[in-house]
Protein backbone atom coordinates (compact mmCIF):
# COMPACT_ATOMS: atom_id res chain seq x y z
CA MET A 1 -21.11 -5.47 25.31
CA ALA A 2 -22.63 -4.20 22.10
CA ALA A 3 -23.26 -5.85 18.75
CA ARG A 4 -24.31 -4.35 15.44
CA VAL A 5 -25.73 -5.99 12.33
CA THR A 6 -26.13 -4.12 9.05
CA TRP A 7 -27.74 -5.21 5.82
CA LYS A 8 -25.27 -5.70 2.95
CA GLY A 9 -27.80 -4.50 0.38
CA SER A 10 -29.12 -7.70 -1.14
CA GLY A 11 -31.14 -10.68 -0.01
CA LEU A 12 -30.68 -11.46 3.67
CA ALA A 13 -26.91 -10.94 3.73
CA LEU A 14 -25.74 -9.12 6.86
CA ALA A 15 -22.44 -7.89 8.28
CA ALA A 16 -21.96 -8.11 12.04
CA THR A 17 -19.50 -6.35 14.32
CA ALA A 18 -19.04 -6.18 18.08
CA ASP A 19 -17.01 -4.23 20.63
CA SER A 20 -13.92 -6.33 19.81
CA GLY A 21 -13.89 -4.82 16.31
CA PHE A 22 -13.98 -8.16 14.54
CA LYS A 23 -16.46 -8.71 11.73
CA VAL A 24 -18.43 -11.73 10.61
CA ASP A 25 -20.88 -12.25 7.78
CA LEU A 26 -24.35 -13.65 8.44
CA SER A 27 -26.87 -15.15 6.06
CA SER A 28 -30.02 -17.22 6.20
CA ALA A 29 -31.18 -20.52 4.78
CA LEU A 30 -34.31 -18.57 3.83
CA ASP A 31 -32.35 -16.24 1.54
CA GLU A 32 -33.67 -17.41 -1.82
CA GLY A 33 -31.28 -16.38 -4.54
CA GLY A 34 -28.80 -15.09 -1.97
CA ASP A 35 -25.16 -16.08 -1.84
CA HIS A 36 -25.32 -17.74 1.60
CA ALA A 37 -21.94 -16.17 2.33
CA GLY A 38 -22.01 -16.27 6.08
CA PHE A 39 -22.95 -18.05 9.26
CA ARG A 40 -26.57 -18.57 10.18
CA PRO A 41 -27.43 -16.86 13.49
CA MET A 42 -28.14 -20.15 15.30
CA GLU A 43 -24.78 -21.46 14.12
CA MET A 44 -23.21 -18.44 15.80
CA LEU A 45 -24.92 -19.41 19.06
CA ALA A 46 -23.43 -22.91 18.80
CA ILE A 47 -20.02 -21.45 17.95
CA GLY A 48 -20.30 -19.08 20.91
CA LEU A 49 -21.12 -21.98 23.23
CA ALA A 50 -18.25 -24.09 21.86
CA GLY A 51 -15.77 -21.23 22.05
CA CYS A 52 -16.76 -20.15 25.55
CA THR A 53 -16.43 -23.58 27.11
CA ALA A 54 -13.35 -24.46 25.02
CA MET A 55 -11.44 -21.49 26.42
CA ASP A 56 -12.38 -22.49 29.97
CA VAL A 57 -11.55 -26.18 29.66
CA LEU A 58 -8.30 -25.67 27.76
CA SER A 59 -7.13 -23.03 30.22
CA ILE A 60 -7.92 -25.28 33.19
CA LEU A 61 -6.14 -28.27 31.62
CA GLN A 62 -3.09 -26.11 30.94
CA LYS A 63 -3.08 -24.92 34.57
CA LYS A 64 -3.32 -28.55 35.65
CA ARG A 65 -0.19 -29.17 33.53
CA GLN A 66 -1.90 -31.67 31.27
CA ASP A 67 0.12 -32.44 28.11
CA VAL A 68 -2.56 -31.26 25.66
CA GLN A 69 -1.29 -31.49 22.08
CA ALA A 70 -4.59 -30.93 20.27
CA PHE A 71 -7.99 -29.83 21.50
CA GLU A 72 -11.40 -29.57 19.87
CA VAL A 73 -14.93 -28.88 21.06
CA GLN A 74 -17.89 -30.01 19.00
CA VAL A 75 -21.43 -28.83 19.67
CA GLN A 76 -24.38 -30.72 18.24
CA THR A 77 -27.96 -29.44 18.55
CA LYS A 78 -31.44 -30.50 17.53
CA SER A 79 -34.17 -27.95 16.92
CA SER A 80 -37.93 -28.13 17.18
CA GLU A 81 -39.81 -28.66 13.94
CA ASN A 82 -42.05 -25.63 14.51
CA HIS A 83 -41.17 -21.96 14.63
CA PRO A 84 -39.19 -20.50 16.28
CA HIS A 85 -37.10 -23.72 15.92
CA VAL A 86 -35.56 -23.50 19.38
CA TRP A 87 -33.01 -26.06 20.45
CA THR A 88 -34.58 -29.10 22.07
CA TRP A 89 -31.28 -30.89 22.70
CA ALA A 90 -27.63 -29.95 22.84
CA GLU A 91 -24.43 -31.88 23.38
CA ILE A 92 -20.89 -30.67 23.90
CA GLU A 93 -18.03 -33.05 23.16
CA TYR A 94 -14.50 -32.23 24.24
CA ILE A 95 -11.83 -34.04 22.21
CA VAL A 96 -8.48 -33.92 23.96
CA THR A 97 -5.32 -35.30 22.39
CA GLY A 98 -2.24 -35.66 24.54
CA ARG A 99 0.04 -37.97 26.47
CA GLY A 100 -1.24 -39.26 29.80
CA ILE A 101 -4.22 -36.92 30.02
CA ASP A 102 -5.96 -37.49 33.36
CA PRO A 103 -9.68 -38.19 32.80
CA ALA A 104 -10.48 -36.71 36.23
CA ALA A 105 -8.78 -33.45 35.20
CA VAL A 106 -10.90 -33.28 32.04
CA GLU A 107 -14.11 -34.03 33.95
CA ARG A 108 -13.31 -31.38 36.56
CA ALA A 109 -12.51 -28.80 33.88
CA MET A 110 -15.81 -29.55 32.16
CA GLU A 111 -17.70 -29.18 35.45
CA LEU A 112 -16.00 -25.87 36.27
CA SER A 113 -16.84 -24.51 32.83
CA ARG A 114 -20.47 -25.62 33.18
CA ASP A 115 -21.02 -24.52 36.77
CA LYS A 116 -18.77 -21.50 37.23
CA TYR A 117 -17.07 -19.92 34.24
CA CYS A 118 -18.94 -20.16 30.91
CA PRO A 119 -21.76 -17.58 30.65
CA ALA A 120 -22.89 -18.95 27.28
CA GLN A 121 -23.44 -22.39 28.77
CA ALA A 122 -25.18 -20.94 31.83
CA MET A 123 -27.64 -18.99 29.66
CA ILE A 124 -28.36 -21.78 27.19
CA ARG A 125 -28.82 -24.31 30.02
CA GLN A 126 -31.77 -22.23 31.22
CA ALA A 127 -33.56 -23.12 27.98
CA VAL A 128 -32.31 -26.60 27.14
CA GLU A 129 -30.47 -29.41 28.89
CA ILE A 130 -26.90 -29.70 27.66
CA GLN A 131 -25.24 -33.10 27.69
CA MET A 132 -21.46 -33.28 27.90
CA LYS A 133 -18.97 -35.96 27.00
CA TYR A 134 -15.29 -36.20 26.25
CA THR A 135 -12.95 -38.28 24.14
CA LEU A 136 -9.30 -38.76 25.00
CA ILE A 137 -6.83 -39.54 22.23
CA GLU A 138 -3.34 -40.77 22.98
CA PRO A 139 -1.01 -39.73 20.13
CA GLU A 140 1.09 -42.40 18.45
């Protein structure tokens, strides 16, 4: 895997690309006078964690033939007050909407993502404990 970040020519605005060919803009809260027209790098880490585990859990629930009608993963983090502002706490919440979703299936999918499939979670867990929870929503 390779990633590339290039300066856009003003402030701290950056353009990022990776092997996939997709592009994303990055910016910084420290960019005084900048346009803040992009994700902050630590937000990208949280998005990467959410996306990695979401793909695992959703795929597993689909294989278990769960009637998932909507699915969302939310990642919350807290950072230290001092530089380099590393995460001191992280929580992943899986929000699953569907009819008759089996809680045991969701819990097992979460465990498999944590322990076997999600490299983002495996790496971040080496630095900070990640709490996990889920919410099941039965549609009307």
